[in-house]
């Protein structure tokens, strides 16, 4: 008589094999598995050898369109989905970024294309679609911005040399337009640095004691695209005018690097501002800087009502 222990073991083995067979049937019934087998004309032996890989494939999510974020991914490796392949006659898996991860990576890459120094967060979210073209001045600014973007799209490796000088009264949206252009350039992987000039010049004074002055100036002056926001609102000294602004603008003119500037002052008013430093008036040096600004920018009038948003 067969021992009871052996009888129990046989029943357990039989139940396991039955469950295993059902699992395998379920795996092989999966539409993607059937298509894969048919595409590669896989033999029964190859399928049996690769059953573990087939099961691994079916146990994971493949459509990530409903996933809120990579952080909430249900797969073992966040942001990656399995793809079936045949490697050296065997079924295998490779993992590729899912749609959600690709979108998040693109957003991070785009964000990394913009460096802002002392710019408001709300302004940095601006897009060209947000600009309300409700006046002739805004229409002109929008057209000039689109012209620069269009030229860049034609040849991102060779950026237009001439930027814009947006001038107008407080609150008409000059900074908004600069940020919108920067975000559009970022989507084309063109790096931009936006600088709020008054705060930047104050920061450079402390940089002298930290031995980081040259590093900060180089970071700004060598930017692929530079945007100087609110030029003319700063308190000038001969040093900040000649050694900082003069150095940055001369370099960008010499290297034909696109530069955008916003100011409450037009060209003539800015030249008067640059001529006056603490305890001194020097129209010659102011004229030299303005010559560089006129060379590298195109003046765009944005006078109008004081609106804090478009």
Protein backbone atom coordinates (compact mmCIF):
# COMPACT_ATOMS: atom_id res chain seq x y z
CA UNK A 1 0.00 0.00 0.00
CA UNK A 2 1.33 3.45 -0.96
CA UNK A 3 2.22 5.63 2.04
CA UNK A 4 -0.24 8.48 2.75
CA UNK A 5 2.65 10.93 2.53
CA UNK A 6 3.26 10.04 -1.12
CA UNK A 7 -0.43 10.34 -1.93
CA UNK A 8 -0.56 13.86 -0.45
CA UNK A 9 2.56 14.86 -2.35
CA UNK A 10 1.09 13.65 -5.64
CA UNK A 11 -2.07 15.63 -5.04
CA UNK A 12 -0.06 18.74 -4.24
CA UNK A 13 2.10 18.27 -7.34
CA UNK A 14 -1.00 17.73 -9.45
CA UNK A 15 -2.65 20.89 -8.10
CA UNK A 16 0.52 22.90 -8.72
CA UNK A 17 0.85 21.64 -12.27
CA UNK A 18 -2.82 22.44 -12.90
CA UNK A 19 -2.36 26.03 -11.63
CA UNK A 20 0.84 26.37 -13.65
CA UNK A 21 -0.89 25.14 -16.80
CA UNK A 22 -3.71 27.67 -16.30
CA UNK A 23 -1.20 30.47 -15.80
CA UNK A 24 0.65 29.47 -18.95
CA UNK A 25 -2.60 29.34 -20.90
CA UNK A 26 -3.45 32.83 -19.66
CA UNK A 27 -0.03 34.14 -20.66
CA UNK A 28 -0.21 32.59 -24.12
CA UNK A 29 -3.72 34.01 -24.61
CA UNK A 30 -2.46 37.56 -24.13
CA UNK A 31 -2.87 39.44 -27.44
CA UNK A 32 0.63 40.95 -27.28
CA UNK A 33 2.18 37.52 -26.61
CA UNK A 34 0.28 35.97 -29.50
CA UNK A 35 1.38 38.76 -31.84
CA UNK A 36 4.99 38.41 -30.66
CA UNK A 37 5.02 34.63 -31.19
CA UNK A 38 3.49 35.00 -34.63
CA UNK A 39 5.83 37.80 -35.64
CA UNK A 40 8.95 35.80 -34.76
CA UNK A 41 7.58 32.38 -35.69
CA UNK A 42 8.68 30.97 -32.33
CA UNK A 43 8.89 27.22 -31.82
CA UNK A 44 7.19 25.39 -28.93
CA UNK A 45 10.61 24.73 -27.36
CA UNK A 46 11.56 28.43 -27.50
CA UNK A 47 8.22 29.40 -25.98
CA UNK A 48 8.63 26.92 -23.15
CA UNK A 49 12.17 28.16 -22.42
CA UNK A 50 10.99 31.73 -22.38
CA UNK A 51 7.81 31.24 -20.36
CA UNK A 52 9.26 33.08 -17.35
CA UNK A 53 9.98 36.14 -19.51
CA UNK A 54 6.52 35.99 -21.05
CA UNK A 55 4.95 35.84 -17.59
CA UNK A 56 7.12 38.75 -16.41
CA UNK A 57 5.91 40.76 -19.40
CA UNK A 58 2.22 40.13 -18.77
CA UNK A 59 2.49 40.87 -15.04
CA UNK A 60 3.50 44.51 -15.68
CA UNK A 61 1.78 47.65 -16.90
CA UNK A 62 2.34 48.65 -20.53
CA UNK A 63 -0.04 51.57 -21.01
CA UNK A 64 1.14 54.45 -18.83
CA UNK A 65 -1.18 57.08 -20.32
CA UNK A 66 -3.34 57.02 -17.19
CA UNK A 67 -0.40 57.21 -14.79
CA UNK A 68 -0.19 60.52 -12.92
CA UNK A 69 3.59 60.52 -12.51
CA UNK A 70 6.68 58.33 -12.61
CA UNK A 71 6.74 58.42 -8.81
CA UNK A 72 3.41 56.53 -8.79
CA UNK A 73 4.51 53.95 -11.38
CA UNK A 74 3.29 50.42 -10.59
CA UNK A 75 6.10 48.61 -12.41
CA UNK A 76 9.15 47.24 -10.57
CA UNK A 77 11.37 49.86 -12.19
CA UNK A 78 9.71 53.28 -12.04
CA UNK A 79 9.14 54.83 -15.43
CA UNK A 80 10.19 51.81 -17.49
CA UNK A 81 8.00 49.36 -19.42
CA UNK A 82 9.02 45.92 -20.73
CA UNK A 83 9.36 45.07 -24.39
CA UNK A 84 9.66 41.52 -25.70
CA UNK A 85 12.68 40.74 -27.86
CA UNK A 86 14.39 37.66 -29.27
CA UNK A 87 18.06 37.56 -28.31
CA UNK A 88 20.23 34.72 -29.67
CA UNK A 89 17.23 32.49 -30.22
CA UNK A 90 15.77 33.08 -26.75
CA UNK A 91 12.89 35.22 -25.53
CA UNK A 92 14.08 38.15 -23.43
CA UNK A 93 12.94 41.53 -22.15
CA UNK A 94 14.34 45.01 -22.50
CA UNK A 95 13.08 47.97 -20.52
CA UNK A 96 12.39 51.33 -22.16
CA UNK A 97 11.09 54.65 -20.79
CA UNK A 98 7.31 54.89 -20.70
CA UNK A 99 5.33 57.79 -22.15
CA UNK A 100 4.98 59.47 -18.75
CA UNK A 101 8.70 59.28 -18.07
CA UNK A 102 9.51 60.66 -21.52
CA UNK A 103 7.21 63.63 -20.88
CA UNK A 104 8.73 64.28 -17.44
CA UNK A 105 12.27 63.94 -18.79
CA UNK A 106 11.47 66.39 -21.58
CA UNK A 107 10.09 68.87 -19.08
CA UNK A 108 13.18 68.59 -16.89
CA UNK A 109 15.44 68.98 -19.89
CA UNK A 110 13.50 72.03 -21.02
CA UNK A 111 13.64 73.55 -17.53
CA UNK A 112 17.39 72.96 -17.41
CA UNK A 113 17.74 75.11 -20.52
CA UNK A 114 16.78 78.21 -18.53
CA UNK A 115 18.76 79.72 -15.68
CA UNK A 116 17.10 82.65 -13.96
CA UNK A 117 18.77 84.96 -11.51
CA UNK A 118 16.39 86.83 -9.19
CA UNK A 119 13.41 86.55 -11.58
CA UNK A 120 9.86 86.06 -10.16
CA UNK A 121 8.51 82.50 -10.46
CA UNK A 122 5.20 83.66 -11.96
CA UNK A 123 7.02 85.48 -14.75
CA UNK A 124 9.13 82.40 -15.51
CA UNK A 125 5.97 80.41 -16.38
CA UNK A 126 5.13 82.73 -19.29
CA UNK A 127 4.55 81.36 -22.78
CA UNK A 128 4.04 83.10 -26.11
CA UNK A 129 0.46 81.76 -26.17
CA UNK A 130 -0.24 83.72 -22.97
CA UNK A 131 0.59 87.08 -24.56
CA UNK A 132 -2.57 89.11 -25.12
CA UNK A 133 -2.07 91.10 -28.29
CA UNK A 134 -4.50 93.86 -27.37
CA UNK A 135 -2.50 96.92 -28.45
CA UNK A 136 -0.21 97.96 -31.27
CA UNK A 137 2.77 97.92 -28.90
CA UNK A 138 2.12 94.36 -27.75
CA UNK A 139 1.50 93.30 -31.33
CA UNK A 140 4.90 94.68 -32.36
CA UNK A 141 6.63 92.94 -29.45
CA UNK A 142 4.85 89.67 -30.27
CA UNK A 143 5.80 89.90 -33.96
CA UNK A 144 9.47 90.56 -33.16
CA UNK A 145 9.54 87.70 -30.65
CA UNK A 146 7.98 85.33 -33.20
CA UNK A 147 10.44 86.49 -35.87
CA UNK A 148 13.38 85.58 -33.62
CA UNK A 149 11.82 82.21 -32.76
CA UNK A 150 11.11 81.45 -36.42
CA UNK A 151 14.70 82.21 -37.41
CA UNK A 152 15.96 80.00 -34.60
CA UNK A 153 13.72 77.10 -35.65
CA UNK A 154 15.18 77.24 -39.16
CA UNK A 155 18.73 76.86 -37.85
CA UNK A 156 19.06 76.23 -34.07
CA UNK A 157 22.82 75.79 -34.46
CA UNK A 158 23.25 79.38 -35.68
CA UNK A 159 21.15 81.77 -33.61
CA UNK A 160 20.20 85.23 -34.89
CA UNK A 161 22.78 87.77 -33.71
CA UNK A 162 20.36 90.59 -32.91
CA UNK A 163 18.07 90.45 -29.89
CA UNK A 164 15.39 92.87 -28.72
CA UNK A 165 15.46 95.98 -26.55
CA UNK A 166 11.98 96.14 -25.00
CA UNK A 167 11.28 99.50 -23.45
CA UNK A 168 8.17 100.93 -21.88
CA UNK A 169 6.63 102.02 -18.60
CA UNK A 170 6.39 99.87 -15.49
CA UNK A 171 4.03 96.88 -15.67
CA UNK A 172 3.41 96.64 -19.42
CA UNK A 173 4.75 93.07 -19.64
CA UNK A 174 8.36 93.40 -20.81
CA UNK A 175 9.67 90.75 -18.41
CA UNK A 176 6.76 88.51 -19.37
CA UNK A 177 7.74 88.65 -23.04
CA UNK A 178 11.38 87.87 -22.22
CA UNK A 179 10.39 84.81 -20.18
CA UNK A 180 7.99 83.65 -22.91
CA UNK A 181 10.78 83.82 -25.49
CA UNK A 182 13.13 81.97 -23.12
CA UNK A 183 10.61 79.15 -22.62
CA UNK A 184 10.06 78.83 -26.36
CA UNK A 185 13.83 78.64 -26.92
CA UNK A 186 14.11 76.06 -24.16
CA UNK A 187 11.67 73.80 -26.00
CA UNK A 188 14.21 73.84 -28.85
CA UNK A 189 17.04 73.02 -26.41
CA UNK A 190 18.50 76.53 -26.67
CA UNK A 191 19.96 77.62 -23.34
CA UNK A 192 18.98 81.03 -21.97
CA UNK A 193 20.03 82.97 -18.88
CA UNK A 194 17.65 85.61 -17.51
CA UNK A 195 19.09 88.17 -15.14
CA UNK A 196 17.29 90.77 -13.07
CA UNK A 197 19.96 93.44 -13.39
CA UNK A 198 19.56 95.50 -10.15
CA UNK A 199 19.79 92.44 -7.90
CA UNK A 200 22.55 90.88 -9.99
CA UNK A 201 24.78 93.95 -9.63
CA UNK A 202 24.18 94.00 -5.87
CA UNK A 203 25.11 90.31 -5.71
CA UNK A 204 28.38 90.93 -7.52
CA UNK A 205 29.58 93.23 -4.75
CA UNK A 206 29.51 90.37 -2.27
CA UNK A 207 31.06 88.06 -4.87
CA UNK A 208 34.31 90.04 -4.62
CA UNK A 209 34.90 88.82 -1.08
CA UNK A 210 33.89 85.28 -2.04
CA UNK A 211 36.36 85.14 -4.95
CA UNK A 212 33.53 84.23 -7.32
CA UNK A 213 33.24 87.49 -9.26
CA UNK A 214 34.90 86.32 -12.49
CA UNK A 215 32.98 83.06 -12.42
CA UNK A 216 29.62 84.84 -12.17
CA UNK A 217 30.47 87.37 -14.86
CA UNK A 218 31.63 84.61 -17.22
CA UNK A 219 28.46 82.61 -16.55
CA UNK A 220 26.36 85.53 -17.72
CA UNK A 221 28.43 86.99 -20.53
CA UNK A 222 28.98 83.61 -22.25
CA UNK A 223 25.32 82.53 -22.20
CA UNK A 224 24.08 81.26 -25.59
CA UNK A 225 21.14 83.66 -25.12
CA UNK A 226 21.26 86.38 -22.46
CA UNK A 227 18.31 88.40 -21.19
CA UNK A 228 18.94 91.44 -19.01
CA UNK A 229 15.75 92.46 -17.27
CA UNK A 230 15.07 95.99 -15.97
CA UNK A 231 18.32 97.58 -17.10
CA UNK A 232 18.31 101.19 -15.97
CA UNK A 233 16.59 100.52 -12.64
CA UNK A 234 19.92 99.86 -10.88
CA UNK A 235 22.02 102.31 -8.88
CA UNK A 236 25.15 102.68 -10.94
CA UNK A 237 28.75 103.13 -9.99
CA UNK A 238 31.57 103.63 -12.45
CA UNK A 239 32.70 100.08 -11.61
CA UNK A 240 29.35 98.36 -12.26
CA UNK A 241 28.90 100.34 -15.48
CA UNK A 242 32.39 99.92 -16.97
CA UNK A 243 33.69 96.66 -15.48
CA UNK A 244 30.44 94.69 -15.33
CA UNK A 245 27.92 95.94 -17.88
CA UNK A 246 30.59 97.16 -20.27
CA UNK A 247 32.50 93.88 -20.09
CA UNK A 248 29.40 91.72 -20.60
CA UNK A 249 28.02 93.76 -23.50
CA UNK A 250 31.39 94.08 -25.24
CA UNK A 251 31.92 90.32 -25.11
CA UNK A 252 28.47 89.60 -26.52
CA UNK A 253 28.92 92.11 -29.32
CA UNK A 254 32.35 90.69 -30.21
CA UNK A 255 31.05 87.10 -30.16
CA UNK A 256 27.75 87.91 -31.94
CA UNK A 257 25.70 86.35 -29.13
CA UNK A 258 21.98 87.23 -29.02
CA UNK A 259 21.07 89.54 -26.17
CA UNK A 260 17.64 90.72 -25.02
CA UNK A 261 17.14 93.71 -22.74
CA UNK A 262 14.10 95.18 -21.02
CA UNK A 263 14.04 98.67 -19.57
CA UNK A 264 11.70 101.44 -18.49
CA UNK A 265 13.96 103.74 -20.51
CA UNK A 266 14.38 104.11 -24.25
CA UNK A 267 17.84 104.24 -25.86
CA UNK A 268 18.31 107.98 -25.27
CA UNK A 269 17.04 107.87 -21.68
CA UNK A 270 19.23 104.87 -20.89
CA UNK A 271 22.30 106.68 -22.23
CA UNK A 272 21.59 109.56 -19.85
CA UNK A 273 21.19 107.08 -16.99
CA UNK A 274 24.49 105.36 -17.82
CA UNK A 275 26.30 108.69 -17.94
CA UNK A 276 25.47 109.45 -14.31
CA UNK A 277 27.26 107.48 -11.62
CA UNK A 278 27.82 108.39 -7.99
CA UNK A 279 29.56 111.75 -7.98
CA UNK A 280 30.40 111.75 -11.69
CA UNK A 281 29.00 112.32 -15.17
CA UNK A 282 30.75 110.58 -18.07
CA UNK A 283 28.82 110.77 -21.36
CA UNK A 284 31.74 109.23 -23.31
CA UNK A 285 31.69 105.93 -21.45
CA UNK A 286 27.92 105.88 -21.49
CA UNK A 287 28.03 106.40 -25.25
CA UNK A 288 30.39 103.45 -25.68
CA UNK A 289 28.04 101.12 -23.82
CA UNK A 290 25.04 102.40 -25.77
CA UNK A 291 26.89 101.78 -29.02
CA UNK A 292 27.19 98.13 -28.02
CA UNK A 293 23.53 97.93 -26.99
CA UNK A 294 22.37 99.48 -30.26
CA UNK A 295 24.59 97.05 -32.18
CA UNK A 296 23.23 93.89 -30.56
CA UNK A 297 19.54 94.77 -30.08
CA UNK A 298 16.53 96.11 -31.95
CA UNK A 299 14.43 98.69 -30.14
CA UNK A 300 10.79 97.73 -29.56
CA UNK A 301 8.41 100.23 -27.93
CA UNK A 302 6.10 98.64 -25.35
CA UNK A 303 4.55 101.76 -23.85
CA UNK A 304 1.01 101.30 -22.62
CA UNK A 305 -1.18 100.71 -19.58
CA UNK A 306 0.31 99.34 -16.36
CA UNK A 307 -0.93 95.74 -16.37
CA UNK A 308 0.72 93.22 -14.14
CA UNK A 309 -0.32 90.36 -16.46
CA UNK A 310 -1.36 89.86 -20.04
